[in-house]
Amino acid sequence: MSLSLVGRLLIAPALLAASSAAAPAWASSTLDIKTVASSCANCHGPDGRSTTLIPSLAGRPEATLLEQLRSFASDTPPAGTTIMSRLVKGYQDTDLEALARHFSEIPSTPRSVAQGR
């Protein structure tokens, strides 16, 4: 049986939770962290650029993103947290660091828009 891409992305957090404490395979691979981060697009938009009321991730400071991810993963997530506290439970701290770094390095405005194209 073959899972669709969406199916594989939806089960990724569960697989991470079951994995060993070793560094994730994508820790040194830009391509792989992009694949993992693509599941964030379901709510935060392509490349972390939201077009809805859900906050954008692209271009935000790495430290801010990491602090927020860690707070969602804590035993006492911020009040009003919806699904994020459940999603990040499957990630190790090194995973959260990689995701925060990834989104902080993406320009908040797509290059073509920023250049007036």
PDB file of N, CA and C in Angstrom:
ATOM      1  N   MET A   1       0.839  -1.172   0.000  1.00  0.00           N
ATOM      2  CA  MET A   1       0.000   0.000   0.000  1.00  0.00           C
ATOM      3  C   MET A   1       0.885   1.237   0.000  1.00  0.00           C
ATOM      4  N   SER A   2       0.575   2.195  -0.833  1.00  0.00           N
ATOM      5  CA  SER A   2       1.364   3.416  -0.946  1.00  0.00           C
ATOM      6  C   SER A   2       0.558   4.591  -0.421  1.00  0.00           C
ATOM      7  N   LEU A   3       1.170   5.380   0.466  1.00  0.00           N
ATOM      8  CA  LEU A   3       0.508   6.566   0.989  1.00  0.00           C
ATOM      9  C   LEU A   3       0.720   7.744   0.054  1.00  0.00           C
ATOM     10  N   SER A   4      -0.276   8.601  -0.027  1.00  0.00           N
ATOM     11  CA  SER A   4      -0.125   9.825  -0.797  1.00  0.00           C
ATOM     12  C   SER A   4       0.848  10.748  -0.084  1.00  0.00           C
ATOM     13  N   LEU A   5       1.306  11.763  -0.790  1.00  0.00           N
ATOM     14  CA  LEU A   5       2.207  12.747  -0.181  1.00  0.00           C
ATOM     15  C   LEU A   5       1.551  13.375   1.046  1.00  0.00           C
ATOM     16  N   VAL A   6       0.291  13.731   0.938  1.00  0.00           N
ATOM     17  CA  VAL A   6      -0.421  14.331   2.060  1.00  0.00           C
ATOM     18  C   VAL A   6      -0.469  13.345   3.230  1.00  0.00           C
ATOM     19  N   GLY A   7      -0.744  12.091   2.947  1.00  0.00           N
ATOM     20  CA  GLY A   7      -0.785  11.077   3.994  1.00  0.00           C
ATOM     21  C   GLY A   7       0.553  10.937   4.686  1.00  0.00           C
ATOM     22  N   ARG A   8       1.630  10.944   3.908  1.00  0.00           N
ATOM     23  CA  ARG A   8       2.968  10.833   4.490  1.00  0.00           C
ATOM     24  C   ARG A   8       3.295  12.053   5.348  1.00  0.00           C
ATOM     25  N   LEU A   9       2.897  13.251   4.902  1.00  0.00           N
ATOM     26  CA  LEU A   9       3.171  14.458   5.675  1.00  0.00           C
ATOM     27  C   LEU A   9       2.355  14.497   6.964  1.00  0.00           C
ATOM     28  N   LEU A  10       1.147  13.954   6.923  1.00  0.00           N
ATOM     29  CA  LEU A  10       0.311  13.964   8.112  1.00  0.00           C
ATOM     30  C   LEU A  10       0.813  12.994   9.176  1.00  0.00           C
ATOM     31  N   ILE A  11       1.465  11.900   8.755  1.00  0.00           N
ATOM     32  CA  ILE A  11       1.952  10.950   9.755  1.00  0.00           C
ATOM     33  C   ILE A  11       3.383  11.237  10.180  1.00  0.00           C
ATOM     34  N   ALA A  12       4.033  12.213   9.554  1.00  0.00           N
ATOM     35  CA  ALA A  12       5.429  12.515   9.884  1.00  0.00           C
ATOM     36  C   ALA A  12       5.643  12.798  11.365  1.00  0.00           C
ATOM     37  N   PRO A  13       4.811  13.629  12.034  1.00  0.00           N
ATOM     38  CA  PRO A  13       5.043  13.862  13.462  1.00  0.00           C
ATOM     39  C   PRO A  13       4.973  12.583  14.293  1.00  0.00           C
ATOM     40  N   ALA A  14       4.051  11.687  13.952  1.00  0.00           N
ATOM     41  CA  ALA A  14       3.950  10.436  14.697  1.00  0.00           C
ATOM     42  C   ALA A  14       5.187   9.578  14.493  1.00  0.00           C
ATOM     43  N   LEU A  15       5.698   9.556  13.290  1.00  0.00           N
ATOM     44  CA  LEU A  15       6.912   8.794  13.025  1.00  0.00           C
ATOM     45  C   LEU A  15       8.097   9.379  13.768  1.00  0.00           C
ATOM     46  N   LEU A  16       8.155  10.697  13.841  1.00  0.00           N
ATOM     47  CA  LEU A  16       9.248  11.335  14.571  1.00  0.00           C
ATOM     48  C   LEU A  16       9.189  10.998  16.049  1.00  0.00           C
ATOM     49  N   ALA A  17       8.000  10.942  16.594  1.00  0.00           N
ATOM     50  CA  ALA A  17       7.857  10.633  18.015  1.00  0.00           C
ATOM     51  C   ALA A  17       8.340   9.220  18.305  1.00  0.00           C
ATOM     52  N   ALA A  18       8.189   8.329  17.338  1.00  0.00           N
ATOM     53  CA  ALA A  18       8.600   6.944  17.530  1.00  0.00           C
ATOM     54  C   ALA A  18      10.077   6.726  17.222  1.00  0.00           C
ATOM     55  N   SER A  19      10.736   7.715  16.656  1.00  0.00           N
ATOM     56  CA  SER A  19      12.131   7.547  16.265  1.00  0.00           C
ATOM     57  C   SER A  19      13.054   7.643  17.472  1.00  0.00           C
ATOM     58  N   SER A  20      14.297   7.273  17.268  1.00  0.00           N
ATOM     59  CA  SER A  20      15.271   7.324  18.356  1.00  0.00           C
ATOM     60  C   SER A  20      15.644   8.761  18.672  1.00  0.00           C
ATOM     61  N   ALA A  21      16.429   8.955  19.722  1.00  0.00           N
ATOM     62  CA  ALA A  21      16.833  10.290  20.152  1.00  0.00           C
ATOM     63  C   ALA A  21      17.961  10.854  19.303  1.00  0.00           C
ATOM     64  N   ALA A  22      18.436  10.118  18.317  1.00  0.00           N
ATOM     65  CA  ALA A  22      19.515  10.596  17.454  1.00  0.00           C
ATOM     66  C   ALA A  22      19.041  11.783  16.630  1.00  0.00           C
ATOM     67  N   ALA A  23      19.989  12.563  16.148  1.00  0.00           N
ATOM     68  CA  ALA A  23      19.658  13.724  15.320  1.00  0.00           C
ATOM     69  C   ALA A  23      18.861  13.269  14.099  1.00  0.00           C
ATOM     70  N   PRO A  24      17.890  14.066  13.681  1.00  0.00           N
ATOM     71  CA  PRO A  24      17.079  13.684  12.528  1.00  0.00           C
ATOM     72  C   PRO A  24      17.915  13.639  11.257  1.00  0.00           C
ATOM     73  N   ALA A  25      17.462  12.828  10.328  1.00  0.00           N
ATOM     74  CA  ALA A  25      18.193  12.653   9.069  1.00  0.00           C
ATOM     75  C   ALA A  25      18.303  13.956   8.299  1.00  0.00           C
ATOM     76  N   TRP A  26      17.315  14.845   8.456  1.00  0.00           N
ATOM     77  CA  TRP A  26      17.325  16.083   7.673  1.00  0.00           C
ATOM     78  C   TRP A  26      18.139  17.191   8.329  1.00  0.00           C
ATOM     79  N   ALA A  27      18.728  16.955   9.494  1.00  0.00           N
ATOM     80  CA  ALA A  27      19.453  17.996  10.216  1.00  0.00           C
ATOM     81  C   ALA A  27      20.534  18.662   9.369  1.00  0.00           C
ATOM     82  N   SER A  28      21.118  17.937   8.445  1.00  0.00           N
ATOM     83  CA  SER A  28      22.179  18.512   7.623  1.00  0.00           C
ATOM     84  C   SER A  28      21.755  18.663   6.160  1.00  0.00           C
ATOM     85  N   SER A  29      20.478  18.480   5.871  1.00  0.00           N
ATOM     86  CA  SER A  29      20.028  18.516   4.484  1.00  0.00           C
ATOM     87  C   SER A  29      18.951  19.570   4.283  1.00  0.00           C
ATOM     88  N   THR A  30      19.261  20.580   3.498  1.00  0.00           N
ATOM     89  CA  THR A  30      18.293  21.636   3.190  1.00  0.00           C
ATOM     90  C   THR A  30      17.068  21.060   2.494  1.00  0.00           C
ATOM     91  N   LEU A  31      17.277  20.159   1.558  1.00  0.00           N
ATOM     92  CA  LEU A  31      16.160  19.584   0.813  1.00  0.00           C
ATOM     93  C   LEU A  31      15.206  18.855   1.746  1.00  0.00           C
ATOM     94  N   ASP A  32      15.727  18.080   2.661  1.00  0.00           N
ATOM     95  CA  ASP A  32      14.863  17.314   3.540  1.00  0.00           C
ATOM     96  C   ASP A  32      14.109  18.185   4.533  1.00  0.00           C
ATOM     97  N   ILE A  33      14.717  19.223   5.072  1.00  0.00           N
ATOM     98  CA  ILE A  33      13.990  20.091   6.004  1.00  0.00           C
ATOM     99  C   ILE A  33      12.879  20.821   5.257  1.00  0.00           C
ATOM    100  N   LYS A  34      13.092  21.113   3.977  1.00  0.00           N
ATOM    101  CA  LYS A  34      12.029  21.732   3.183  1.00  0.00           C
ATOM    102  C   LYS A  34      10.851  20.777   3.048  1.00  0.00           C
ATOM    103  N   THR A  35      11.130  19.496   2.916  1.00  0.00           N
ATOM    104  CA  THR A  35      10.064  18.503   2.817  1.00  0.00           C
ATOM    105  C   THR A  35       9.286  18.440   4.121  1.00  0.00           C
ATOM    106  N   VAL A  36       9.993  18.408   5.236  1.00  0.00           N
ATOM    107  CA  VAL A  36       9.331  18.377   6.534  1.00  0.00           C
ATOM    108  C   VAL A  36       8.531  19.660   6.748  1.00  0.00           C
ATOM    109  N   ALA A  37       9.127  20.798   6.438  1.00  0.00           N
ATOM    110  CA  ALA A  37       8.472  22.093   6.633  1.00  0.00           C
ATOM    111  C   ALA A  37       7.269  22.277   5.717  1.00  0.00           C
ATOM    112  N   SER A  38       7.210  21.530   4.630  1.00  0.00           N
ATOM    113  CA  SER A  38       6.083  21.693   3.708  1.00  0.00           C
ATOM    114  C   SER A  38       4.755  21.349   4.360  1.00  0.00           C
ATOM    115  N   SER A  39       4.768  20.519   5.396  1.00  0.00           N
ATOM    116  CA  SER A  39       3.501  20.220   6.074  1.00  0.00           C
ATOM    117  C   SER A  39       2.960  21.455   6.795  1.00  0.00           C
ATOM    118  N   CYS A  40       3.827  22.412   7.106  1.00  0.00           N
ATOM    119  CA  CYS A  40       3.399  23.653   7.756  1.00  0.00           C
ATOM    120  C   CYS A  40       2.552  24.497   6.806  1.00  0.00           C
ATOM    121  N   ALA A  41       2.725  24.277   5.501  1.00  0.00           N
ATOM    122  CA  ALA A  41       1.987  25.040   4.492  1.00  0.00           C
ATOM    123  C   ALA A  41       0.488  24.806   4.579  1.00  0.00           C
ATOM    124  N   ASN A  42       0.088  23.682   5.152  1.00  0.00           N
ATOM    125  CA  ASN A  42      -1.344  23.410   5.282  1.00  0.00           C
ATOM    126  C   ASN A  42      -2.066  24.551   5.982  1.00  0.00           C
ATOM    127  N   CYS A  43      -1.410  25.174   6.948  1.00  0.00           N
ATOM    128  CA  CYS A  43      -2.034  26.276   7.689  1.00  0.00           C
ATOM    129  C   CYS A  43      -1.330  27.619   7.471  1.00  0.00           C
ATOM    130  N   HIS A  44      -0.002  27.582   7.380  1.00  0.00           N
ATOM    131  CA  HIS A  44       0.785  28.820   7.332  1.00  0.00           C
ATOM    132  C   HIS A  44       1.121  29.275   5.920  1.00  0.00           C
ATOM    133  N   GLY A  45       0.617  28.586   4.909  1.00  0.00           N
ATOM    134  CA  GLY A  45       0.806  28.988   3.530  1.00  0.00           C
ATOM    135  C   GLY A  45       2.109  28.477   2.929  1.00  0.00           C
ATOM    136  N   PRO A  46       2.186  28.503   1.594  1.00  0.00           N
ATOM    137  CA  PRO A  46       3.398  28.054   0.905  1.00  0.00           C
ATOM    138  C   PRO A  46       4.624  28.829   1.387  1.00  0.00           C
ATOM    139  N   ASP A  47       5.685  28.129   1.692  1.00  0.00           N
ATOM    140  CA  ASP A  47       6.925  28.720   2.205  1.00  0.00           C
ATOM    141  C   ASP A  47       6.712  29.527   3.476  1.00  0.00           C
ATOM    142  N   GLY A  48       5.628  29.239   4.206  1.00  0.00           N
ATOM    143  CA  GLY A  48       5.382  29.944   5.460  1.00  0.00           C
ATOM    144  C   GLY A  48       4.824  31.337   5.294  1.00  0.00           C
ATOM    145  N   ARG A  49       4.320  31.648   4.106  1.00  0.00           N
ATOM    146  CA  ARG A  49       3.730  32.962   3.828  1.00  0.00           C
ATOM    147  C   ARG A  49       2.212  32.827   3.818  1.00  0.00           C
ATOM    148  N   SER A  50       1.592  33.135   4.934  1.00  0.00           N
ATOM    149  CA  SER A  50       0.158  32.947   5.085  1.00  0.00           C
ATOM    150  C   SER A  50      -0.641  33.976   4.293  1.00  0.00           C
ATOM    151  N   THR A  51      -1.773  33.526   3.790  1.00  0.00           N
ATOM    152  CA  THR A  51      -2.707  34.429   3.110  1.00  0.00           C
ATOM    153  C   THR A  51      -4.014  34.499   3.899  1.00  0.00           C
ATOM    154  N   THR A  52      -3.975  34.001   5.143  1.00  0.00           N
ATOM    155  CA  THR A  52      -5.159  33.992   5.992  1.00  0.00           C
ATOM    156  C   THR A  52      -4.827  34.685   7.320  1.00  0.00           C
ATOM    157  N   LEU A  53      -5.674  34.526   8.305  1.00  0.00           N
ATOM    158  CA  LEU A  53      -5.434  35.101   9.631  1.00  0.00           C
ATOM    159  C   LEU A  53      -4.364  34.334  10.410  1.00  0.00           C
ATOM    160  N   ILE A  54      -4.022  33.146   9.947  1.00  0.00           N
ATOM    161  CA  ILE A  54      -2.968  32.365  10.598  1.00  0.00           C
ATOM    162  C   ILE A  54      -1.640  33.078  10.321  1.00  0.00           C
ATOM    163  N   PRO A  55      -0.807  33.239  11.338  1.00  0.00           N
ATOM    164  CA  PRO A  55       0.443  34.002  11.163  1.00  0.00           C
ATOM    165  C   PRO A  55       1.400  33.399  10.140  1.00  0.00           C
ATOM    166  N   SER A  56       2.095  34.277   9.437  1.00  0.00           N
ATOM    167  CA  SER A  56       3.164  33.851   8.537  1.00  0.00           C
ATOM    168  C   SER A  56       4.383  33.462   9.367  1.00  0.00           C
ATOM    169  N   LEU A  57       5.180  32.553   8.845  1.00  0.00           N
ATOM    170  CA  LEU A  57       6.408  32.127   9.497  1.00  0.00           C
ATOM    171  C   LEU A  57       7.634  32.689   8.783  1.00  0.00           C
ATOM    172  N   ALA A  58       7.522  32.883   7.498  1.00  0.00           N
ATOM    173  CA  ALA A  58       8.659  33.307   6.671  1.00  0.00           C
ATOM    174  C   ALA A  58       9.220  34.642   7.135  1.00  0.00           C
ATOM    175  N   GLY A  59      10.548  34.683   7.275  1.00  0.00           N
ATOM    176  CA  GLY A  59      11.241  35.915   7.586  1.00  0.00           C
ATOM    177  C   GLY A  59      11.185  36.352   9.038  1.00  0.00           C
ATOM    178  N   ARG A  60      10.517  35.591   9.884  1.00  0.00           N
ATOM    179  CA  ARG A  60      10.473  35.948  11.308  1.00  0.00           C
ATOM    180  C   ARG A  60      11.794  35.574  11.952  1.00  0.00           C
ATOM    181  N   PRO A  61      12.198  36.241  12.997  1.00  0.00           N
ATOM    182  CA  PRO A  61      13.472  35.927  13.651  1.00  0.00           C
ATOM    183  C   PRO A  61      13.514  34.478  14.152  1.00  0.00           C
ATOM    184  N   GLU A  62      14.637  33.830  13.913  1.00  0.00           N
ATOM    185  CA  GLU A  62      14.805  32.429  14.310  1.00  0.00           C
ATOM    186  C   GLU A  62      14.532  32.240  15.801  1.00  0.00           C
ATOM    187  N   ALA A  63      15.064  33.130  16.634  1.00  0.00           N
ATOM    188  CA  ALA A  63      14.887  33.005  18.082  1.00  0.00           C
ATOM    189  C   ALA A  63      13.407  33.082  18.474  1.00  0.00           C
ATOM    190  N   THR A  64      12.653  33.937  17.811  1.00  0.00           N
ATOM    191  CA  THR A  64      11.227  34.087  18.099  1.00  0.00           C
ATOM    192  C   THR A  64      10.473  32.824  17.712  1.00  0.00           C
ATOM    193  N   LEU A  65      10.759  32.317  16.507  1.00  0.00           N
ATOM    194  CA  LEU A  65      10.103  31.098  16.054  1.00  0.00           C
ATOM    195  C   LEU A  65      10.420  29.931  16.982  1.00  0.00           C
ATOM    196  N   LEU A  66      11.679  29.804  17.355  1.00  0.00           N
ATOM    197  CA  LEU A  66      12.086  28.700  18.219  1.00  0.00           C
ATOM    198  C   LEU A  66      11.418  28.812  19.588  1.00  0.00           C
ATOM    199  N   GLU A  67      11.362  30.010  20.128  1.00  0.00           N
ATOM    200  CA  GLU A  67      10.702  30.215  21.428  1.00  0.00           C
ATOM    201  C   GLU A  67       9.232  29.802  21.356  1.00  0.00           C
ATOM    202  N   GLN A  68       8.565  30.182  20.262  1.00  0.00           N
ATOM    203  CA  GLN A  68       7.154  29.837  20.111  1.00  0.00           C
ATOM    204  C   GLN A  68       6.974  28.331  19.948  1.00  0.00           C
ATOM    205  N   LEU A  69       7.818  27.702  19.136  1.00  0.00           N
ATOM    206  CA  LEU A  69       7.715  26.255  18.956  1.00  0.00           C
ATOM    207  C   LEU A  69       7.941  25.523  20.277  1.00  0.00           C
ATOM    208  N   ARG A  70       8.928  25.966  21.027  1.00  0.00           N
ATOM    209  CA  ARG A  70       9.192  25.337  22.334  1.00  0.00           C
ATOM    210  C   ARG A  70       8.030  25.551  23.297  1.00  0.00           C
ATOM    211  N   SER A  71       7.404  26.721  23.246  1.00  0.00           N
ATOM    212  CA  SER A  71       6.272  26.963  24.147  1.00  0.00           C
ATOM    213  C   SER A  71       5.085  26.077  23.762  1.00  0.00           C
ATOM    214  N   PHE A  72       4.885  25.848  22.469  1.00  0.00           N
ATOM    215  CA  PHE A  72       3.821  24.935  22.043  1.00  0.00           C
ATOM    216  C   PHE A  72       4.117  23.506  22.503  1.00  0.00           C
ATOM    217  N   ALA A  73       5.385  23.127  22.499  1.00  0.00           N
ATOM    218  CA  ALA A  73       5.786  21.768  22.871  1.00  0.00           C
ATOM    219  C   ALA A  73       5.819  21.549  24.383  1.00  0.00           C
ATOM    220  N   SER A  74       5.770  22.615  25.153  1.00  0.00           N
ATOM    221  CA  SER A  74       5.872  22.504  26.608  1.00  0.00           C
ATOM    222  C   SER A  74       4.608  21.863  27.193  1.00  0.00           C
ATOM    223  N   ASP A  75       4.702  21.518  28.453  1.00  0.00           N
ATOM    224  CA  ASP A  75       3.551  20.948  29.152  1.00  0.00           C
ATOM    225  C   ASP A  75       2.463  21.983  29.415  1.00  0.00           C
ATOM    226  N   THR A  76       2.815  23.257  29.272  1.00  0.00           N
ATOM    227  CA  THR A  76       1.843  24.343  29.465  1.00  0.00           C
ATOM    228  C   THR A  76       1.900  25.278  28.259  1.00  0.00           C
ATOM    229  N   PRO A  77       1.290  24.858  27.126  1.00  0.00           N
ATOM    230  CA  PRO A  77       1.302  25.713  25.929  1.00  0.00           C
ATOM    231  C   PRO A  77       0.524  27.000  26.177  1.00  0.00           C
ATOM    232  N   PRO A  78       0.772  28.010  25.346  1.00  0.00           N
ATOM    233  CA  PRO A  78       0.068  29.291  25.505  1.00  0.00           C
ATOM    234  C   PRO A  78      -1.448  29.117  25.464  1.00  0.00           C
ATOM    235  N   ALA A  79      -2.139  29.951  26.210  1.00  0.00           N
ATOM    236  CA  ALA A  79      -3.606  29.931  26.206  1.00  0.00           C
ATOM    237  C   ALA A  79      -4.109  30.159  24.784  1.00  0.00           C
ATOM    238  N   GLY A  80      -5.150  29.474  24.428  1.00  0.00           N
ATOM    239  CA  GLY A  80      -5.738  29.635  23.100  1.00  0.00           C
ATOM    240  C   GLY A  80      -5.059  28.823  22.012  1.00  0.00           C
ATOM    241  N   THR A  81      -4.038  28.045  22.372  1.00  0.00           N
ATOM    242  CA  THR A  81      -3.345  27.210  21.387  1.00  0.00           C
ATOM    243  C   THR A  81      -4.317  26.163  20.868  1.00  0.00           C
ATOM    244  N   THR A  82      -4.357  26.018  19.583  1.00  0.00           N
ATOM    245  CA  THR A  82      -5.259  25.018  19.000  1.00  0.00           C
ATOM    246  C   THR A  82      -4.465  23.750  18.674  1.00  0.00           C
ATOM    247  N   ILE A  83      -4.097  23.581  17.449  1.00  0.00           N
ATOM    248  CA  ILE A  83      -3.475  22.328  17.019  1.00  0.00           C
ATOM    249  C   ILE A  83      -1.953  22.297  17.186  1.00  0.00           C
ATOM    250  N   MET A  84      -1.321  23.447  17.296  1.00  0.00           N
ATOM    251  CA  MET A  84       0.149  23.475  17.332  1.00  0.00           C
ATOM    252  C   MET A  84       0.741  22.653  18.468  1.00  0.00           C
ATOM    253  N   SER A  85       0.121  22.675  19.630  1.00  0.00           N
ATOM    254  CA  SER A  85       0.674  21.921  20.755  1.00  0.00           C
ATOM    255  C   SER A  85       0.657  20.421  20.470  1.00  0.00           C
ATOM    256  N   ARG A  86      -0.287  19.970  19.686  1.00  0.00           N
ATOM    257  CA  ARG A  86      -0.326  18.548  19.324  1.00  0.00           C
ATOM    258  C   ARG A  86       0.653  18.229  18.211  1.00  0.00           C
ATOM    259  N   LEU A  87       0.822  19.141  17.272  1.00  0.00           N
ATOM    260  CA  LEU A  87       1.719  18.885  16.146  1.00  0.00           C
ATOM    261  C   LEU A  87       3.184  18.829  16.551  1.00  0.00           C
ATOM    262  N   VAL A  88       3.616  19.721  17.421  1.00  0.00           N
ATOM    263  CA  VAL A  88       5.038  19.781  17.770  1.00  0.00           C
ATOM    264  C   VAL A  88       5.462  18.699  18.745  1.00  0.00           C
ATOM    265  N   LYS A  89       4.540  18.008  19.353  1.00  0.00           N
ATOM    266  CA  LYS A  89       4.890  16.945  20.297  1.00  0.00           C
ATOM    267  C   LYS A  89       5.737  15.867  19.631  1.00  0.00           C
ATOM    268  N   GLY A  90       5.608  15.681  18.339  1.00  0.00           N
ATOM    269  CA  GLY A  90       6.353  14.653  17.625  1.00  0.00           C
ATOM    270  C   GLY A  90       7.763  15.054  17.243  1.00  0.00           C
ATOM    271  N   TYR A  91       8.164  16.260  17.557  1.00  0.00           N
ATOM    272  CA  TYR A  91       9.478  16.744  17.158  1.00  0.00           C
ATOM    273  C   TYR A  91      10.422  16.866  18.348  1.00  0.00           C
ATOM    274  N   GLN A  92      11.692  16.590  18.098  1.00  0.00           N
ATOM    275  CA  GLN A  92      12.731  16.797  19.094  1.00  0.00           C
ATOM    276  C   GLN A  92      13.172  18.254  19.021  1.00  0.00           C
ATOM    277  N   ASP A  93      13.919  18.714  20.030  1.00  0.00           N
ATOM    278  CA  ASP A  93      14.364  20.104  20.052  1.00  0.00           C
ATOM    279  C   ASP A  93      15.227  20.429  18.837  1.00  0.00           C
ATOM    280  N   THR A  94      16.038  19.486  18.386  1.00  0.00           N
ATOM    281  CA  THR A  94      16.864  19.736  17.193  1.00  0.00           C
ATOM    282  C   THR A  94      15.987  19.925  15.954  1.00  0.00           C
ATOM    283  N   ASP A  95      14.849  19.252  15.926  1.00  0.00           N
ATOM    284  CA  ASP A  95      13.905  19.422  14.822  1.00  0.00           C
ATOM    285  C   ASP A  95      13.305  20.817  14.851  1.00  0.00           C
ATOM    286  N   LEU A  96      12.930  21.260  16.058  1.00  0.00           N
ATOM    287  CA  LEU A  96      12.352  22.600  16.208  1.00  0.00           C
ATOM    288  C   LEU A  96      13.367  23.663  15.809  1.00  0.00           C
ATOM    289  N   GLU A  97      14.627  23.462  16.180  1.00  0.00           N
ATOM    290  CA  GLU A  97      15.689  24.395  15.789  1.00  0.00           C
ATOM    291  C   GLU A  97      15.827  24.452  14.276  1.00  0.00           C
ATOM    292  N   ALA A  98      15.803  23.304  13.631  1.00  0.00           N
ATOM    293  CA  ALA A  98      15.937  23.255  12.169  1.00  0.00           C
ATOM    294  C   ALA A  98      14.759  23.953  11.487  1.00  0.00           C
ATOM    295  N   LEU A  99      13.555  23.737  11.993  1.00  0.00           N
ATOM    296  CA  LEU A  99      12.376  24.391  11.415  1.00  0.00           C
ATOM    297  C   LEU A  99      12.428  25.905  11.616  1.00  0.00           C
ATOM    298  N   ALA A 100      12.805  26.347  12.814  1.00  0.00           N
ATOM    299  CA  ALA A 100      12.898  27.792  13.080  1.00  0.00           C
ATOM    300  C   ALA A 100      13.936  28.427  12.164  1.00  0.00           C
ATOM    301  N   ARG A 101      15.073  27.791  11.999  1.00  0.00           N
ATOM    302  CA  ARG A 101      16.131  28.312  11.124  1.00  0.00           C
ATOM    303  C   ARG A 101      15.628  28.373   9.681  1.00  0.00           C
ATOM    304  N   HIS A 102      14.973  27.311   9.248  1.00  0.00           N
ATOM    305  CA  HIS A 102      14.468  27.242   7.867  1.00  0.00           C
ATOM    306  C   HIS A 102      13.530  28.417   7.563  1.00  0.00           C
ATOM    307  N   PHE A 103      12.529  28.617   8.403  1.00  0.00           N
ATOM    308  CA  PHE A 103      11.557  29.682   8.122  1.00  0.00           C
ATOM    309  C   PHE A 103      12.147  31.074   8.299  1.00  0.00           C
ATOM    310  N   SER A 104      13.116  31.218   9.180  1.00  0.00           N
ATOM    311  CA  SER A 104      13.738  32.538   9.360  1.00  0.00           C
ATOM    312  C   SER A 104      14.551  32.947   8.141  1.00  0.00           C
ATOM    313  N   GLU A 105      15.020  31.969   7.375  1.00  0.00           N
ATOM    314  CA  GLU A 105      15.850  32.250   6.201  1.00  0.00           C
ATOM    315  C   GLU A 105      15.039  32.510   4.937  1.00  0.00           C
ATOM    316  N   ILE A 106      13.736  32.324   4.997  1.00  0.00           N
ATOM    317  CA  ILE A 106      12.869  32.574   3.832  1.00  0.00           C
ATOM    318  C   ILE A 106      12.426  34.030   3.872  1.00  0.00           C
ATOM    319  N   PRO A 107      12.629  34.786   2.791  1.00  0.00           N
ATOM    320  CA  PRO A 107      12.158  36.178   2.778  1.00  0.00           C
ATOM    321  C   PRO A 107      10.646  36.233   3.007  1.00  0.00           C
ATOM    322  N   SER A 108      10.201  37.218   3.771  1.00  0.00           N
ATOM    323  CA  SER A 108       8.770  37.316   4.071  1.00  0.00           C
ATOM    324  C   SER A 108       7.952  37.648   2.830  1.00  0.00           C
ATOM    325  N   THR A 109       8.581  38.266   1.862  1.00  0.00           N
ATOM    326  CA  THR A 109       7.916  38.596   0.601  1.00  0.00           C
ATOM    327  C   THR A 109       8.606  37.824  -0.524  1.00  0.00           C
ATOM    328  N   PRO A 110       7.826  37.148  -1.377  1.00  0.00           N
ATOM    329  CA  PRO A 110       8.450  36.436  -2.491  1.00  0.00           C
ATOM    330  C   PRO A 110       9.311  37.372  -3.330  1.00  0.00           C
ATOM    331  N   ARG A 111      10.388  36.848  -3.862  1.00  0.00           N
ATOM    332  CA  ARG A 111      11.338  37.650  -4.638  1.00  0.00           C
ATOM    333  C   ARG A 111      10.646  38.404  -5.771  1.00  0.00           C
ATOM    334  N   SER A 112       9.764  37.752  -6.512  1.00  0.00           N
ATOM    335  CA  SER A 112       9.119  38.413  -7.645  1.00  0.00           C
ATOM    336  C   SER A 112       8.274  39.597  -7.198  1.00  0.00           C
ATOM    337  N   VAL A 113       7.620  39.513  -6.045  1.00  0.00           N
ATOM    338  CA  VAL A 113       6.807  40.618  -5.533  1.00  0.00           C
ATOM    339  C   VAL A 113       7.729  41.731  -5.048  1.00  0.00           C
ATOM    340  N   ALA A 114       8.794  41.362  -4.323  1.00  0.00           N
ATOM    341  CA  ALA A 114       9.710  42.357  -3.798  1.00  0.00           C
ATOM    342  C   ALA A 114      10.400  43.126  -4.911  1.00  0.00           C
ATOM    343  N   GLN A 115      10.598  42.491  -6.056  1.00  0.00           N
ATOM    344  CA  GLN A 115      11.269  43.151  -7.192  1.00  0.00           C
ATOM    345  C   GLN A 115      10.274  43.813  -8.131  1.00  0.00           C
ATOM    346  N   GLY A 116       8.993  43.769  -7.787  1.00  0.00           N
ATOM    347  CA  GLY A 116       7.993  44.433  -8.611  1.00  0.00           C
ATOM    348  C   GLY A 116       7.655  43.695  -9.887  1.00  0.00           C
ATOM    349  N   ARG A 117       7.832  42.377  -9.868  1.00  0.00           N
ATOM    350  CA  ARG A 117       7.486  41.583 -11.064  1.00  0.00           C
ATOM    351  C   ARG A 117       6.194  40.880 -10.900  1.00  0.00           C
TER     352      ARG A 117
END
